[in-house]
Amino acid sequence: MKKQRRKHTAEFKARVAFEAIQGFKTQSEIAKEFDIHPIMVGKWKTELLERMPEIFENKSTKKKDTSDQEKQGLERKVGQLTMEVEFLEKKCNQLGIPVKGRAR
């Protein structure tokens, strides 16, 4: 019978990685204590070390990045809608259907 794969919570991973960063125990000892594979301890430690700067990143920088992305998405959507309106107006003119609310 196949063994079910375990899913660890973010808190658990953080606790294990923090213990590994402290350096009081080896990765093997930590892995044995938490009943996980030593490679996972190393992966979680590396990920924590790489992502630590994000915690202290300036909040205004994050807001600026998300607002720029949102602005680009909205500009793309406006362009798409403009093209659709022009297409529909052209088809209405070809079929002789009057377009209400649009001055031309």
PDB file of N, CA and C in Angstrom:
ATOM      1  N   MET A   1       0.834  -1.176   0.000  1.00  0.00           N
ATOM      2  CA  MET A   1       0.000   0.000   0.000  1.00  0.00           C
ATOM      3  C   MET A   1       0.879   1.238   0.000  1.00  0.00           C
ATOM      4  N   LYS A   2       0.484   2.235  -0.760  1.00  0.00           N
ATOM      5  CA  LYS A   2       1.262   3.451  -0.902  1.00  0.00           C
ATOM      6  C   LYS A   2       1.111   4.348   0.323  1.00  0.00           C
ATOM      7  N   LYS A   3       2.214   4.949   0.743  1.00  0.00           N
ATOM      8  CA  LYS A   3       2.197   5.833   1.896  1.00  0.00           C
ATOM      9  C   LYS A   3       1.679   7.212   1.484  1.00  0.00           C
ATOM     10  N   GLN A   4       0.778   7.773   2.281  1.00  0.00           N
ATOM     11  CA  GLN A   4       0.226   9.097   1.988  1.00  0.00           C
ATOM     12  C   GLN A   4       1.308  10.166   2.142  1.00  0.00           C
ATOM     13  N   ARG A   5       1.310  11.097   1.257  1.00  0.00           N
ATOM     14  CA  ARG A   5       2.258  12.195   1.302  1.00  0.00           C
ATOM     15  C   ARG A   5       1.811  13.212   2.345  1.00  0.00           C
ATOM     16  N   ARG A   6       2.730  13.641   3.199  1.00  0.00           N
ATOM     17  CA  ARG A   6       2.377  14.596   4.248  1.00  0.00           C
ATOM     18  C   ARG A   6       2.484  16.016   3.724  1.00  0.00           C
ATOM     19  N   LYS A   7       1.596  16.863   4.204  1.00  0.00           N
ATOM     20  CA  LYS A   7       1.629  18.283   3.856  1.00  0.00           C
ATOM     21  C   LYS A   7       1.910  19.058   5.126  1.00  0.00           C
ATOM     22  N   HIS A   8       2.992  19.841   5.099  1.00  0.00           N
ATOM     23  CA  HIS A   8       3.406  20.587   6.283  1.00  0.00           C
ATOM     24  C   HIS A   8       2.910  22.027   6.190  1.00  0.00           C
ATOM     25  N   THR A   9       2.549  22.577   7.335  1.00  0.00           N
ATOM     26  CA  THR A   9       2.072  23.957   7.379  1.00  0.00           C
ATOM     27  C   THR A   9       3.252  24.913   7.271  1.00  0.00           C
ATOM     28  N   ALA A  10       2.938  26.152   6.959  1.00  0.00           N
ATOM     29  CA  ALA A  10       3.975  27.176   6.848  1.00  0.00           C
ATOM     30  C   ALA A  10       4.651  27.402   8.201  1.00  0.00           C
ATOM     31  N   GLU A  11       3.875  27.342   9.287  1.00  0.00           N
ATOM     32  CA  GLU A  11       4.446  27.537  10.622  1.00  0.00           C
ATOM     33  C   GLU A  11       5.455  26.436  10.953  1.00  0.00           C
ATOM     34  N   PHE A  12       5.107  25.209  10.581  1.00  0.00           N
ATOM     35  CA  PHE A  12       5.996  24.080  10.835  1.00  0.00           C
ATOM     36  C   PHE A  12       7.308  24.250  10.070  1.00  0.00           C
ATOM     37  N   LYS A  13       7.188  24.600   8.787  1.00  0.00           N
ATOM     38  CA  LYS A  13       8.377  24.790   7.960  1.00  0.00           C
ATOM     39  C   LYS A  13       9.252  25.909   8.514  1.00  0.00           C
ATOM     40  N   ALA A  14       8.622  27.000   8.954  1.00  0.00           N
ATOM     41  CA  ALA A  14       9.373  28.122   9.508  1.00  0.00           C
ATOM     42  C   ALA A  14      10.103  27.719  10.779  1.00  0.00           C
ATOM     43  N   ARG A  15       9.435  26.952  11.624  1.00  0.00           N
ATOM     44  CA  ARG A  15      10.043  26.508  12.877  1.00  0.00           C
ATOM     45  C   ARG A  15      11.263  25.635  12.594  1.00  0.00           C
ATOM     46  N   VAL A  16      11.121  24.704  11.652  1.00  0.00           N
ATOM     47  CA  VAL A  16      12.231  23.804  11.303  1.00  0.00           C
ATOM     48  C   VAL A  16      13.386  24.603  10.700  1.00  0.00           C
ATOM     49  N   ALA A  17      13.068  25.513   9.771  1.00  0.00           N
ATOM     50  CA  ALA A  17      14.112  26.312   9.126  1.00  0.00           C
ATOM     51  C   ALA A  17      14.818  27.209  10.132  1.00  0.00           C
ATOM     52  N   PHE A  18      14.069  27.764  11.065  1.00  0.00           N
ATOM     53  CA  PHE A  18      14.670  28.635  12.074  1.00  0.00           C
ATOM     54  C   PHE A  18      15.633  27.850  12.958  1.00  0.00           C
ATOM     55  N   GLU A  19      15.252  26.646  13.329  1.00  0.00           N
ATOM     56  CA  GLU A  19      16.161  25.800  14.115  1.00  0.00           C
ATOM     57  C   GLU A  19      17.435  25.516  13.337  1.00  0.00           C
ATOM     58  N   ALA A  20      17.293  25.287  12.034  1.00  0.00           N
ATOM     59  CA  ALA A  20      18.472  24.997  11.211  1.00  0.00           C
ATOM     60  C   ALA A  20      19.376  26.218  11.116  1.00  0.00           C
ATOM     61  N   ILE A  21      18.777  27.410  11.034  1.00  0.00           N
ATOM     62  CA  ILE A  21      19.566  28.642  10.946  1.00  0.00           C
ATOM     63  C   ILE A  21      20.330  28.889  12.242  1.00  0.00           C
ATOM     64  N   GLN A  22      19.698  28.571  13.374  1.00  0.00           N
ATOM     65  CA  GLN A  22      20.352  28.807  14.661  1.00  0.00           C
ATOM     66  C   GLN A  22      21.661  28.038  14.784  1.00  0.00           C
ATOM     67  N   GLY A  23      21.726  26.844  14.223  1.00  0.00           N
ATOM     68  CA  GLY A  23      22.972  26.090  14.185  1.00  0.00           C
ATOM     69  C   GLY A  23      23.308  25.333  15.453  1.00  0.00           C
ATOM     70  N   PHE A  24      22.386  25.217  16.392  1.00  0.00           N
ATOM     71  CA  PHE A  24      22.659  24.463  17.614  1.00  0.00           C
ATOM     72  C   PHE A  24      22.653  22.960  17.360  1.00  0.00           C
ATOM     73  N   LYS A  25      21.892  22.533  16.361  1.00  0.00           N
ATOM     74  CA  LYS A  25      21.791  21.116  16.029  1.00  0.00           C
ATOM     75  C   LYS A  25      22.129  20.938  14.550  1.00  0.00           C
ATOM     76  N   THR A  26      22.520  19.729  14.198  1.00  0.00           N
ATOM     77  CA  THR A  26      22.774  19.435  12.788  1.00  0.00           C
ATOM     78  C   THR A  26      21.440  19.219  12.078  1.00  0.00           C
ATOM     79  N   GLN A  27      21.498  19.242  10.757  1.00  0.00           N
ATOM     80  CA  GLN A  27      20.282  19.020   9.982  1.00  0.00           C
ATOM     81  C   GLN A  27      19.722  17.627  10.245  1.00  0.00           C
ATOM     82  N   SER A  28      20.579  16.671  10.437  1.00  0.00           N
ATOM     83  CA  SER A  28      20.119  15.301  10.713  1.00  0.00           C
ATOM     84  C   SER A  28      19.388  15.221  12.050  1.00  0.00           C
ATOM     85  N   GLU A  29      19.920  15.906  13.050  1.00  0.00           N
ATOM     86  CA  GLU A  29      19.267  15.906  14.362  1.00  0.00           C
ATOM     87  C   GLU A  29      17.899  16.584  14.292  1.00  0.00           C
ATOM     88  N   ILE A  30      17.830  17.690  13.574  1.00  0.00           N
ATOM     89  CA  ILE A  30      16.560  18.403  13.422  1.00  0.00           C
ATOM     90  C   ILE A  30      15.561  17.537  12.669  1.00  0.00           C
ATOM     91  N   ALA A  31      16.030  16.883  11.620  1.00  0.00           N
ATOM     92  CA  ALA A  31      15.162  16.019  10.818  1.00  0.00           C
ATOM     93  C   ALA A  31      14.618  14.873  11.666  1.00  0.00           C
ATOM     94  N   LYS A  32      15.456  14.286  12.488  1.00  0.00           N
ATOM     95  CA  LYS A  32      15.021  13.188  13.348  1.00  0.00           C
ATOM     96  C   LYS A  32      14.001  13.682  14.377  1.00  0.00           C
ATOM     97  N   GLU A  33      14.261  14.860  14.939  1.00  0.00           N
ATOM     98  CA  GLU A  33      13.364  15.430  15.947  1.00  0.00           C
ATOM     99  C   GLU A  33      11.967  15.697  15.374  1.00  0.00           C
ATOM    100  N   PHE A  34      11.913  16.234  14.147  1.00  0.00           N
ATOM    101  CA  PHE A  34      10.630  16.601  13.540  1.00  0.00           C
ATOM    102  C   PHE A  34      10.080  15.514  12.611  1.00  0.00           C
ATOM    103  N   ASP A  35      10.786  14.397  12.509  1.00  0.00           N
ATOM    104  CA  ASP A  35      10.357  13.257  11.692  1.00  0.00           C
ATOM    105  C   ASP A  35      10.172  13.639  10.218  1.00  0.00           C
ATOM    106  N   ILE A  36      11.208  14.267   9.662  1.00  0.00           N
ATOM    107  CA  ILE A  36      11.220  14.621   8.243  1.00  0.00           C
ATOM    108  C   ILE A  36      12.579  14.249   7.668  1.00  0.00           C
ATOM    109  N   HIS A  37      12.732  14.340   6.372  1.00  0.00           N
ATOM    110  CA  HIS A  37      13.996  14.010   5.708  1.00  0.00           C
ATOM    111  C   HIS A  37      14.969  15.181   5.859  1.00  0.00           C
ATOM    112  N   PRO A  38      16.257  14.912   6.074  1.00  0.00           N
ATOM    113  CA  PRO A  38      17.243  15.985   6.236  1.00  0.00           C
ATOM    114  C   PRO A  38      17.333  16.937   5.035  1.00  0.00           C
ATOM    115  N   ILE A  39      17.053  16.438   3.854  1.00  0.00           N
ATOM    116  CA  ILE A  39      17.103  17.301   2.667  1.00  0.00           C
ATOM    117  C   ILE A  39      16.040  18.392   2.755  1.00  0.00           C
ATOM    118  N   MET A  40      14.876  18.038   3.322  1.00  0.00           N
ATOM    119  CA  MET A  40      13.811  19.040   3.474  1.00  0.00           C
ATOM    120  C   MET A  40      14.248  20.150   4.418  1.00  0.00           C
ATOM    121  N   VAL A  41      14.979  19.797   5.452  1.00  0.00           N
ATOM    122  CA  VAL A  41      15.476  20.807   6.389  1.00  0.00           C
ATOM    123  C   VAL A  41      16.367  21.798   5.645  1.00  0.00           C
ATOM    124  N   GLY A  42      17.259  21.281   4.816  1.00  0.00           N
ATOM    125  CA  GLY A  42      18.150  22.140   4.041  1.00  0.00           C
ATOM    126  C   GLY A  42      17.409  23.015   3.052  1.00  0.00           C
ATOM    127  N   LYS A  43      16.404  22.444   2.379  1.00  0.00           N
ATOM    128  CA  LYS A  43      15.627  23.222   1.407  1.00  0.00           C
ATOM    129  C   LYS A  43      14.873  24.350   2.086  1.00  0.00           C
ATOM    130  N   TRP A  44      14.231  24.038   3.219  1.00  0.00           N
ATOM    131  CA  TRP A  44      13.452  25.055   3.922  1.00  0.00           C
ATOM    132  C   TRP A  44      14.357  26.135   4.498  1.00  0.00           C
ATOM    133  N   LYS A  45      15.553  25.747   4.959  1.00  0.00           N
ATOM    134  CA  LYS A  45      16.514  26.723   5.486  1.00  0.00           C
ATOM    135  C   LYS A  45      16.951  27.675   4.367  1.00  0.00           C
ATOM    136  N   THR A  46      17.283  27.118   3.207  1.00  0.00           N
ATOM    137  CA  THR A  46      17.707  27.932   2.061  1.00  0.00           C
ATOM    138  C   THR A  46      16.599  28.877   1.634  1.00  0.00           C
ATOM    139  N   GLU A  47      15.373  28.368   1.562  1.00  0.00           N
ATOM    140  CA  GLU A  47      14.252  29.208   1.154  1.00  0.00           C
ATOM    141  C   GLU A  47      14.024  30.344   2.143  1.00  0.00           C
ATOM    142  N   LEU A  48      14.136  30.045   3.441  1.00  0.00           N
ATOM    143  CA  LEU A  48      13.952  31.081   4.451  1.00  0.00           C
ATOM    144  C   LEU A  48      15.030  32.151   4.321  1.00  0.00           C
ATOM    145  N   LEU A  49      16.270  31.740   4.128  1.00  0.00           N
ATOM    146  CA  LEU A  49      17.362  32.707   3.994  1.00  0.00           C
ATOM    147  C   LEU A  49      17.199  33.584   2.747  1.00  0.00           C
ATOM    148  N   GLU A  50      16.708  32.984   1.657  1.00  0.00           N
ATOM    149  CA  GLU A  50      16.527  33.744   0.414  1.00  0.00           C
ATOM    150  C   GLU A  50      15.378  34.740   0.517  1.00  0.00           C
ATOM    151  N   ARG A  51      14.338  34.387   1.258  1.00  0.00           N
ATOM    152  CA  ARG A  51      13.141  35.220   1.305  1.00  0.00           C
ATOM    153  C   ARG A  51      13.096  36.168   2.501  1.00  0.00           C
ATOM    154  N   MET A  52      14.095  36.142   3.365  1.00  0.00           N
ATOM    155  CA  MET A  52      14.118  37.035   4.526  1.00  0.00           C
ATOM    156  C   MET A  52      14.071  38.512   4.152  1.00  0.00           C
ATOM    157  N   PRO A  53      14.784  38.958   3.116  1.00  0.00           N
ATOM    158  CA  PRO A  53      14.732  40.381   2.769  1.00  0.00           C
ATOM    159  C   PRO A  53      13.323  40.877   2.435  1.00  0.00           C
ATOM    160  N   GLU A  54      12.457  39.985   1.950  1.00  0.00           N
ATOM    161  CA  GLU A  54      11.093  40.384   1.628  1.00  0.00           C
ATOM    162  C   GLU A  54      10.341  40.860   2.862  1.00  0.00           C
ATOM    163  N   ILE A  55      10.683  40.308   4.009  1.00  0.00           N
ATOM    164  CA  ILE A  55      10.002  40.686   5.245  1.00  0.00           C
ATOM    165  C   ILE A  55      10.244  42.153   5.562  1.00  0.00           C
ATOM    166  N   PHE A  56      11.464  42.616   5.335  1.00  0.00           N
ATOM    167  CA  PHE A  56      11.831  43.969   5.693  1.00  0.00           C
ATOM    168  C   PHE A  56      11.765  44.947   4.525  1.00  0.00           C
ATOM    169  N   GLU A  57      11.255  44.479   3.399  1.00  0.00           N
ATOM    170  CA  GLU A  57      11.143  45.332   2.224  1.00  0.00           C
ATOM    171  C   GLU A  57      10.183  46.488   2.508  1.00  0.00           C
ATOM    172  N   ASN A  58      10.503  47.623   1.941  1.00  0.00           N
ATOM    173  CA  ASN A  58       9.681  48.821   2.132  1.00  0.00           C
ATOM    174  C   ASN A  58       8.282  48.576   1.580  1.00  0.00           C
ATOM    175  N   LYS A  59       7.266  48.883   2.367  1.00  0.00           N
ATOM    176  CA  LYS A  59       5.886  48.620   1.953  1.00  0.00           C
ATOM    177  C   LYS A  59       5.474  49.476   0.769  1.00  0.00           C
ATOM    178  N   SER A  60       6.016  50.687   0.661  1.00  0.00           N
ATOM    179  CA  SER A  60       5.651  51.545  -0.466  1.00  0.00           C
ATOM    180  C   SER A  60       6.163  50.962  -1.781  1.00  0.00           C
ATOM    181  N   THR A  61       7.289  50.269  -1.751  1.00  0.00           N
ATOM    182  CA  THR A  61       7.820  49.618  -2.947  1.00  0.00           C
ATOM    183  C   THR A  61       6.876  48.518  -3.407  1.00  0.00           C
ATOM    184  N   LYS A  62       6.346  47.738  -2.461  1.00  0.00           N
ATOM    185  CA  LYS A  62       5.414  46.671  -2.808  1.00  0.00           C
ATOM    186  C   LYS A  62       4.154  47.251  -3.438  1.00  0.00           C
ATOM    187  N   LYS A  63       3.637  48.332  -2.832  1.00  0.00           N
ATOM    188  CA  LYS A  63       2.414  48.943  -3.348  1.00  0.00           C
ATOM    189  C   LYS A  63       2.638  49.481  -4.748  1.00  0.00           C
ATOM    190  N   LYS A  64       3.819  50.071  -4.991  1.00  0.00           N
ATOM    191  CA  LYS A  64       4.119  50.637  -6.298  1.00  0.00           C
ATOM    192  C   LYS A  64       4.161  49.535  -7.356  1.00  0.00           C
ATOM    193  N   ASP A  65       4.794  48.409  -7.022  1.00  0.00           N
ATOM    194  CA  ASP A  65       4.880  47.292  -7.964  1.00  0.00           C
ATOM    195  C   ASP A  65       3.500  46.762  -8.316  1.00  0.00           C
ATOM    196  N   THR A  66       2.650  46.585  -7.312  1.00  0.00           N
ATOM    197  CA  THR A  66       1.319  46.054  -7.584  1.00  0.00           C
ATOM    198  C   THR A  66       0.464  47.060  -8.339  1.00  0.00           C
ATOM    199  N   SER A  67       0.625  48.360  -8.035  1.00  0.00           N
ATOM    200  CA  SER A  67      -0.178  49.356  -8.749  1.00  0.00           C
ATOM    201  C   SER A  67       0.272  49.462 -10.207  1.00  0.00           C
ATOM    202  N   ASP A  68       1.568  49.316 -10.473  1.00  0.00           N
ATOM    203  CA  ASP A  68       2.057  49.333 -11.852  1.00  0.00           C
ATOM    204  C   ASP A  68       1.496  48.148 -12.636  1.00  0.00           C
ATOM    205  N   GLN A  69       1.490  46.986 -12.022  1.00  0.00           N
ATOM    206  CA  GLN A  69       0.946  45.801 -12.686  1.00  0.00           C
ATOM    207  C   GLN A  69      -0.546  45.974 -12.939  1.00  0.00           C
ATOM    208  N   GLU A  70      -1.244  46.511 -11.948  1.00  0.00           N
ATOM    209  CA  GLU A  70      -2.681  46.721 -12.093  1.00  0.00           C
ATOM    210  C   GLU A  70      -2.963  47.731 -13.202  1.00  0.00           C
ATOM    211  N   LYS A  71      -2.144  48.782 -13.266  1.00  0.00           N
ATOM    212  CA  LYS A  71      -2.320  49.810 -14.296  1.00  0.00           C
ATOM    213  C   LYS A  71      -2.113  49.207 -15.686  1.00  0.00           C
ATOM    214  N   GLN A  72      -1.086  48.396 -15.849  1.00  0.00           N
ATOM    215  CA  GLN A  72      -0.833  47.763 -17.142  1.00  0.00           C
ATOM    216  C   GLN A  72      -1.979  46.843 -17.548  1.00  0.00           C
ATOM    217  N   GLY A  73      -2.514  46.113 -16.578  1.00  0.00           N
ATOM    218  CA  GLY A  73      -3.634  45.230 -16.867  1.00  0.00           C
ATOM    219  C   GLY A  73      -4.861  46.005 -17.309  1.00  0.00           C
ATOM    220  N   LEU A  74      -5.120  47.117 -16.643  1.00  0.00           N
ATOM    221  CA  LEU A  74      -6.270  47.946 -17.002  1.00  0.00           C
ATOM    222  C   LEU A  74      -6.093  48.584 -18.377  1.00  0.00           C
ATOM    223  N   GLU A  75      -4.867  49.014 -18.692  1.00  0.00           N
ATOM    224  CA  GLU A  75      -4.610  49.603 -20.011  1.00  0.00           C
ATOM    225  C   GLU A  75      -4.846  48.565 -21.114  1.00  0.00           C
ATOM    226  N   ARG A  76      -4.412  47.331 -20.876  1.00  0.00           N
ATOM    227  CA  ARG A  76      -4.654  46.268 -21.848  1.00  0.00           C
ATOM    228  C   ARG A  76      -6.145  46.025 -22.037  1.00  0.00           C
ATOM    229  N   LYS A  77      -6.875  46.040 -20.938  1.00  0.00           N
ATOM    230  CA  LYS A  77      -8.313  45.799 -21.002  1.00  0.00           C
ATOM    231  C   LYS A  77      -9.019  46.920 -21.760  1.00  0.00           C
ATOM    232  N   VAL A  78      -8.616  48.184 -21.527  1.00  0.00           N
ATOM    233  CA  VAL A  78      -9.199  49.317 -22.251  1.00  0.00           C
ATOM    234  C   VAL A  78      -8.939  49.193 -23.740  1.00  0.00           C
ATOM    235  N   GLY A  79      -7.734  48.805 -24.101  1.00  0.00           N
ATOM    236  CA  GLY A  79      -7.401  48.609 -25.518  1.00  0.00           C
ATOM    237  C   GLY A  79      -8.252  47.530 -26.154  1.00  0.00           C
ATOM    238  N   GLN A  80      -8.432  46.436 -25.441  1.00  0.00           N
ATOM    239  CA  GLN A  80      -9.243  45.338 -25.964  1.00  0.00           C
ATOM    240  C   GLN A  80     -10.695  45.787 -26.145  1.00  0.00           C
ATOM    241  N   LEU A  81     -11.250  46.464 -25.148  1.00  0.00           N
ATOM    242  CA  LEU A  81     -12.640  46.919 -25.232  1.00  0.00           C
ATOM    243  C   LEU A  81     -12.831  47.945 -26.344  1.00  0.00           C
ATOM    244  N   THR A  82     -11.850  48.810 -26.536  1.00  0.00           N
ATOM    245  CA  THR A  82     -11.924  49.801 -27.612  1.00  0.00           C
ATOM    246  C   THR A  82     -11.984  49.107 -28.971  1.00  0.00           C
ATOM    247  N   MET A  83     -11.145  48.087 -29.149  1.00  0.00           N
ATOM    248  CA  MET A  83     -11.146  47.348 -30.411  1.00  0.00           C
ATOM    249  C   MET A  83     -12.494  46.644 -30.634  1.00  0.00           C
ATOM    250  N   GLU A  84     -13.063  46.092 -29.566  1.00  0.00           N
ATOM    251  CA  GLU A  84     -14.342  45.416 -29.693  1.00  0.00           C
ATOM    252  C   GLU A  84     -15.459  46.387 -30.075  1.00  0.00           C
ATOM    253  N   VAL A  85     -15.448  47.575 -29.456  1.00  0.00           N
ATOM    254  CA  VAL A  85     -16.475  48.576 -29.764  1.00  0.00           C
ATOM    255  C   VAL A  85     -16.358  49.018 -31.221  1.00  0.00           C
ATOM    256  N   GLU A  86     -15.117  49.259 -31.674  1.00  0.00           N
ATOM    257  CA  GLU A  86     -14.919  49.673 -33.068  1.00  0.00           C
ATOM    258  C   GLU A  86     -15.389  48.583 -34.038  1.00  0.00           C
ATOM    259  N   PHE A  87     -15.100  47.342 -33.716  1.00  0.00           N
ATOM    260  CA  PHE A  87     -15.525  46.218 -34.551  1.00  0.00           C
ATOM    261  C   PHE A  87     -17.054  46.162 -34.637  1.00  0.00           C
ATOM    262  N   LEU A  88     -17.706  46.273 -33.472  1.00  0.00           N
ATOM    263  CA  LEU A  88     -19.163  46.190 -33.449  1.00  0.00           C
ATOM    264  C   LEU A  88     -19.819  47.364 -34.180  1.00  0.00           C
ATOM    265  N   GLU A  89     -19.234  48.560 -34.035  1.00  0.00           N
ATOM    266  CA  GLU A  89     -19.766  49.725 -34.759  1.00  0.00           C
ATOM    267  C   GLU A  89     -19.652  49.509 -36.264  1.00  0.00           C
ATOM    268  N   LYS A  90     -18.532  48.959 -36.699  1.00  0.00           N
ATOM    269  CA  LYS A  90     -18.321  48.701 -38.121  1.00  0.00           C
ATOM    270  C   LYS A  90     -19.363  47.707 -38.642  1.00  0.00           C
ATOM    271  N   LYS A  91     -19.595  46.630 -37.877  1.00  0.00           N
ATOM    272  CA  LYS A  91     -20.574  45.631 -38.285  1.00  0.00           C
ATOM    273  C   LYS A  91     -21.987  46.205 -38.282  1.00  0.00           C
ATOM    274  N   CYS A  92     -22.304  47.047 -37.311  1.00  0.00           N
ATOM    275  CA  CYS A  92     -23.628  47.689 -37.265  1.00  0.00           C
ATOM    276  C   CYS A  92     -23.827  48.575 -38.493  1.00  0.00           C
ATOM    277  N   ASN A  93     -22.794  49.319 -38.873  1.00  0.00           N
ATOM    278  CA  ASN A  93     -22.877  50.184 -40.056  1.00  0.00           C
ATOM    279  C   ASN A  93     -23.068  49.345 -41.324  1.00  0.00           C
ATOM    280  N   GLN A  94     -22.373  48.213 -41.415  1.00  0.00           N
ATOM    281  CA  GLN A  94     -22.503  47.334 -42.576  1.00  0.00           C
ATOM    282  C   GLN A  94     -23.910  46.753 -42.681  1.00  0.00           C
ATOM    283  N   LEU A  95     -24.520  46.453 -41.544  1.00  0.00           N
ATOM    284  CA  LEU A  95     -25.849  45.861 -41.526  1.00  0.00           C
ATOM    285  C   LEU A  95     -26.960  46.913 -41.509  1.00  0.00           C
ATOM    286  N   GLY A  96     -26.581  48.174 -41.397  1.00  0.00           N
ATOM    287  CA  GLY A  96     -27.567  49.241 -41.388  1.00  0.00           C
ATOM    288  C   GLY A  96     -28.306  49.385 -40.061  1.00  0.00           C
ATOM    289  N   ILE A  97     -27.683  48.949 -38.982  1.00  0.00           N
ATOM    290  CA  ILE A  97     -28.283  49.061 -37.650  1.00  0.00           C
ATOM    291  C   ILE A  97     -27.817  50.377 -37.029  1.00  0.00           C
ATOM    292  N   PRO A  98     -28.745  51.220 -36.567  1.00  0.00           N
ATOM    293  CA  PRO A  98     -28.312  52.484 -35.958  1.00  0.00           C
ATOM    294  C   PRO A  98     -27.639  52.231 -34.609  1.00  0.00           C
ATOM    295  N   VAL A  99     -26.583  53.004 -34.345  1.00  0.00           N
ATOM    296  CA  VAL A  99     -25.841  52.875 -33.098  1.00  0.00           C
ATOM    297  C   VAL A  99     -26.301  54.003 -32.179  1.00  0.00           C
ATOM    298  N   LYS A 100     -26.894  53.662 -31.051  1.00  0.00           N
ATOM    299  CA  LYS A 100     -27.411  54.663 -30.127  1.00  0.00           C
ATOM    300  C   LYS A 100     -26.302  55.129 -29.196  1.00  0.00           C
ATOM    301  N   GLY A 101     -26.365  56.396 -28.838  1.00  0.00           N
ATOM    302  CA  GLY A 101     -25.432  56.938 -27.848  1.00  0.00           C
ATOM    303  C   GLY A 101     -24.057  57.215 -28.358  1.00  0.00           C
ATOM    304  N   ARG A 102     -23.818  57.084 -29.648  1.00  0.00           N
ATOM    305  CA  ARG A 102     -22.486  57.342 -30.186  1.00  0.00           C
ATOM    306  C   ARG A 102     -22.598  58.399 -31.261  1.00  0.00           C
ATOM    307  N   ALA A 103     -21.910  59.501 -31.086  1.00  0.00           N
ATOM    308  CA  ALA A 103     -21.933  60.579 -32.086  1.00  0.00           C
ATOM    309  C   ALA A 103     -20.800  60.331 -33.068  1.00  0.00           C
ATOM    310  N   ARG A 104     -21.139  60.394 -34.353  1.00  0.00           N
ATOM    311  CA  ARG A 104     -20.116  60.197 -35.386  1.00  0.00           C
ATOM    312  C   ARG A 104     -20.269  61.243 -36.438  1.00  0.00           C
TER     313      ARG A 104
END
